[in-house]
């Protein structure tokens, strides 16, 4: 019992608690980021966010690439970062409209999760 109280008091004096959800130590009073997001792995590329509504997570990637190329994409390396937008964002607007006309929906990064199987939500695929 004394060892348990000692162990608990060390954590409380330290000011951190272990988060089982993120698998890292978080401060009790969080003022800045705890950098727990780093361990989740890479995010899905932008092309993987386009999914057919009736087969989310199992969309045919070869057909999706053909549709994206027909809609004006240069290749399958669409980068999901604002610094890589072309023509001040017009490329993505045209691509989203064209892909919607072909029956695709765009799934946000929060809904897709990460490429790491532990953090994957099963809604995006390559």
C-alpha atoms as a PDB file:
ATOM      1  CA  UNK A   1       0.000   0.000   0.000  1.00  0.00           C
ATOM      2  CA  UNK A   2       2.859   2.375   0.804  1.00  0.00           C
ATOM      3  CA  UNK A   3       4.469   1.632  -2.569  1.00  0.00           C
ATOM      4  CA  UNK A   4       1.214   2.381  -4.374  1.00  0.00           C
ATOM      5  CA  UNK A   5       0.800   5.705  -2.578  1.00  0.00           C
ATOM      6  CA  UNK A   6       4.424   6.549  -3.329  1.00  0.00           C
ATOM      7  CA  UNK A   7       3.966   5.722  -7.012  1.00  0.00           C
ATOM      8  CA  UNK A   8       0.766   7.780  -7.268  1.00  0.00           C
ATOM      9  CA  UNK A   9       2.334  10.733  -5.506  1.00  0.00           C
ATOM     10  CA  UNK A  10       5.286  10.678  -7.919  1.00  0.00           C
ATOM     11  CA  UNK A  11       2.895  10.932 -10.890  1.00  0.00           C
ATOM     12  CA  UNK A  12       0.879  13.693  -9.272  1.00  0.00           C
ATOM     13  CA  UNK A  13       3.983  15.667  -8.344  1.00  0.00           C
ATOM     14  CA  UNK A  14       5.253  15.196 -11.861  1.00  0.00           C
ATOM     15  CA  UNK A  15       2.025  16.679 -13.238  1.00  0.00           C
ATOM     16  CA  UNK A  16       1.565  14.090 -15.983  1.00  0.00           C
ATOM     17  CA  UNK A  17      -0.864  11.256 -16.580  1.00  0.00           C
ATOM     18  CA  UNK A  18      -0.609   8.359 -19.021  1.00  0.00           C
ATOM     19  CA  UNK A  19      -3.130   8.473 -21.872  1.00  0.00           C
ATOM     20  CA  UNK A  20      -4.006   4.939 -22.962  1.00  0.00           C
ATOM     21  CA  UNK A  21      -5.859   6.260 -25.996  1.00  0.00           C
ATOM     22  CA  UNK A  22      -2.815   8.054 -27.437  1.00  0.00           C
ATOM     23  CA  UNK A  23      -0.223   5.870 -25.677  1.00  0.00           C
ATOM     24  CA  UNK A  24       1.771   8.765 -24.260  1.00  0.00           C
ATOM     25  CA  UNK A  25       2.143  10.930 -21.180  1.00  0.00           C
ATOM     26  CA  UNK A  26      -0.001  14.056 -21.090  1.00  0.00           C
ATOM     27  CA  UNK A  27       0.224  16.949 -18.640  1.00  0.00           C
ATOM     28  CA  UNK A  28      -2.687  17.332 -16.231  1.00  0.00           C
ATOM     29  CA  UNK A  29      -3.067  20.979 -17.246  1.00  0.00           C
ATOM     30  CA  UNK A  30      -2.348  21.040 -20.950  1.00  0.00           C
ATOM     31  CA  UNK A  31      -1.114  24.408 -22.200  1.00  0.00           C
ATOM     32  CA  UNK A  32       0.791  23.228 -25.275  1.00  0.00           C
ATOM     33  CA  UNK A  33       0.642  20.137 -27.459  1.00  0.00           C
ATOM     34  CA  UNK A  34       1.828  16.892 -25.881  1.00  0.00           C
ATOM     35  CA  UNK A  35       3.134  15.658 -29.278  1.00  0.00           C
ATOM     36  CA  UNK A  36       1.207  12.412 -29.055  1.00  0.00           C
ATOM     37  CA  UNK A  37       0.120  12.634 -32.698  1.00  0.00           C
ATOM     38  CA  UNK A  38       3.625  11.783 -33.929  1.00  0.00           C
ATOM     39  CA  UNK A  39       3.323   8.110 -33.029  1.00  0.00           C
ATOM     40  CA  UNK A  40       0.237   7.471 -35.165  1.00  0.00           C
ATOM     41  CA  UNK A  41       2.116   7.331 -38.452  1.00  0.00           C
ATOM     42  CA  UNK A  42       1.565   8.940 -41.847  1.00  0.00           C
ATOM     43  CA  UNK A  43      -1.816  10.236 -42.989  1.00  0.00           C
ATOM     44  CA  UNK A  44      -3.546   8.996 -46.130  1.00  0.00           C
ATOM     45  CA  UNK A  45      -2.599  10.732 -49.393  1.00  0.00           C
ATOM     46  CA  UNK A  46      -5.233  13.029 -50.902  1.00  0.00           C
ATOM     47  CA  UNK A  47      -6.215  10.581 -53.660  1.00  0.00           C
ATOM     48  CA  UNK A  48      -7.263   8.030 -51.010  1.00  0.00           C
ATOM     49  CA  UNK A  49      -9.842  10.461 -49.605  1.00  0.00           C
ATOM     50  CA  UNK A  50     -12.031  10.047 -52.710  1.00  0.00           C
ATOM     51  CA  UNK A  51     -14.327   7.063 -52.163  1.00  0.00           C
ATOM     52  CA  UNK A  52     -17.428   5.617 -53.782  1.00  0.00           C
ATOM     53  CA  UNK A  53     -20.335   5.951 -51.312  1.00  0.00           C
ATOM     54  CA  UNK A  54     -21.525   2.353 -51.573  1.00  0.00           C
ATOM     55  CA  UNK A  55     -18.073   0.778 -51.115  1.00  0.00           C
ATOM     56  CA  UNK A  56     -16.259   3.128 -48.713  1.00  0.00           C
ATOM     57  CA  UNK A  57     -12.837   1.746 -47.860  1.00  0.00           C
ATOM     58  CA  UNK A  58     -12.877  -0.704 -50.791  1.00  0.00           C
ATOM     59  CA  UNK A  59     -12.941   1.679 -53.759  1.00  0.00           C
ATOM     60  CA  UNK A  60     -11.121   0.377 -56.832  1.00  0.00           C
ATOM     61  CA  UNK A  61      -7.881   2.343 -56.760  1.00  0.00           C
ATOM     62  CA  UNK A  62      -7.044   1.769 -60.447  1.00  0.00           C
ATOM     63  CA  UNK A  63     -10.415   3.123 -61.588  1.00  0.00           C
ATOM     64  CA  UNK A  64     -10.166   6.019 -59.120  1.00  0.00           C
ATOM     65  CA  UNK A  65      -6.755   6.951 -60.591  1.00  0.00           C
ATOM     66  CA  UNK A  66      -8.180   6.830 -64.141  1.00  0.00           C
ATOM     67  CA  UNK A  67     -11.064   9.072 -63.052  1.00  0.00           C
ATOM     68  CA  UNK A  68      -8.687  11.489 -61.302  1.00  0.00           C
ATOM     69  CA  UNK A  69      -6.462  11.692 -64.402  1.00  0.00           C
ATOM     70  CA  UNK A  70      -9.530  12.331 -66.555  1.00  0.00           C
ATOM     71  CA  UNK A  71     -10.539  15.102 -64.143  1.00  0.00           C
ATOM     72  CA  UNK A  72      -7.229  16.905 -64.556  1.00  0.00           C
ATOM     73  CA  UNK A  73      -4.891  15.333 -62.002  1.00  0.00           C
ATOM     74  CA  UNK A  74      -1.325  15.015 -63.225  1.00  0.00           C
ATOM     75  CA  UNK A  75      -0.565  11.776 -61.370  1.00  0.00           C
ATOM     76  CA  UNK A  76      -1.465   9.863 -58.213  1.00  0.00           C
ATOM     77  CA  UNK A  77       0.819  11.931 -55.982  1.00  0.00           C
ATOM     78  CA  UNK A  78      -1.741  14.477 -54.861  1.00  0.00           C
ATOM     79  CA  UNK A  79      -0.269  15.895 -51.688  1.00  0.00           C
ATOM     80  CA  UNK A  80      -2.763  16.829 -48.966  1.00  0.00           C
ATOM     81  CA  UNK A  81      -0.993  20.033 -47.934  1.00  0.00           C
ATOM     82  CA  UNK A  82      -1.838  23.665 -48.685  1.00  0.00           C
ATOM     83  CA  UNK A  83       1.695  24.409 -49.900  1.00  0.00           C
ATOM     84  CA  UNK A  84       1.242  22.049 -52.870  1.00  0.00           C
ATOM     85  CA  UNK A  85      -1.998  23.470 -54.262  1.00  0.00           C
ATOM     86  CA  UNK A  86      -1.748  24.447 -57.888  1.00  0.00           C
ATOM     87  CA  UNK A  87      -3.239  27.588 -59.413  1.00  0.00           C
ATOM     88  CA  UNK A  88      -4.119  28.995 -55.988  1.00  0.00           C
ATOM     89  CA  UNK A  89      -6.466  26.187 -55.022  1.00  0.00           C
ATOM     90  CA  UNK A  90      -8.449  26.043 -58.280  1.00  0.00           C
ATOM     91  CA  UNK A  91      -7.038  22.619 -59.089  1.00  0.00           C
ATOM     92  CA  UNK A  92      -8.676  21.038 -56.057  1.00  0.00           C
ATOM     93  CA  UNK A  93     -12.019  22.731 -56.621  1.00  0.00           C
ATOM     94  CA  UNK A  94     -12.212  21.482 -60.200  1.00  0.00           C
ATOM     95  CA  UNK A  95     -11.039  18.022 -59.200  1.00  0.00           C
ATOM     96  CA  UNK A  96     -13.591  17.768 -56.369  1.00  0.00           C
ATOM     97  CA  UNK A  97     -16.445  18.797 -58.648  1.00  0.00           C
ATOM     98  CA  UNK A  98     -15.347  16.424 -61.396  1.00  0.00           C
ATOM     99  CA  UNK A  99     -14.882  13.518 -58.992  1.00  0.00           C
ATOM    100  CA  UNK A 100     -18.323  14.230 -57.491  1.00  0.00           C
ATOM    101  CA  UNK A 101     -19.811  14.050 -60.998  1.00  0.00           C
ATOM    102  CA  UNK A 102     -18.229  10.623 -61.359  1.00  0.00           C
ATOM    103  CA  UNK A 103     -19.835   9.433 -58.129  1.00  0.00           C
ATOM    104  CA  UNK A 104     -17.067   9.983 -55.571  1.00  0.00           C
ATOM    105  CA  UNK A 105     -17.359  11.619 -52.183  1.00  0.00           C
ATOM    106  CA  UNK A 106     -14.503  13.277 -50.322  1.00  0.00           C
ATOM    107  CA  UNK A 107     -13.772  11.936 -46.832  1.00  0.00           C
ATOM    108  CA  UNK A 108     -11.986  14.270 -44.426  1.00  0.00           C
ATOM    109  CA  UNK A 109      -8.657  13.472 -42.792  1.00  0.00           C
ATOM    110  CA  UNK A 110     -10.327  13.011 -39.392  1.00  0.00           C
ATOM    111  CA  UNK A 111     -12.640  10.351 -40.814  1.00  0.00           C
ATOM    112  CA  UNK A 112      -9.849   8.528 -42.668  1.00  0.00           C
ATOM    113  CA  UNK A 113      -7.485   8.213 -39.747  1.00  0.00           C
ATOM    114  CA  UNK A 114      -3.897   7.160 -40.367  1.00  0.00           C
ATOM    115  CA  UNK A 115      -2.223   4.569 -42.587  1.00  0.00           C
ATOM    116  CA  UNK A 116      -1.015   2.708 -39.505  1.00  0.00           C
ATOM    117  CA  UNK A 117      -3.454  -0.249 -39.109  1.00  0.00           C
ATOM    118  CA  UNK A 118      -3.851   0.501 -35.410  1.00  0.00           C
ATOM    119  CA  UNK A 119      -5.172   4.020 -36.120  1.00  0.00           C
ATOM    120  CA  UNK A 120      -6.877   3.327 -39.468  1.00  0.00           C
ATOM    121  CA  UNK A 121     -10.633   3.897 -39.439  1.00  0.00           C
ATOM    122  CA  UNK A 122     -11.252   1.743 -42.536  1.00  0.00           C
ATOM    123  CA  UNK A 123     -12.751   4.501 -44.682  1.00  0.00           C
ATOM    124  CA  UNK A 124      -9.794   5.203 -46.998  1.00  0.00           C
ATOM    125  CA  UNK A 125      -7.726   2.903 -49.190  1.00  0.00           C
ATOM    126  CA  UNK A 126      -4.968   3.063 -51.800  1.00  0.00           C
END
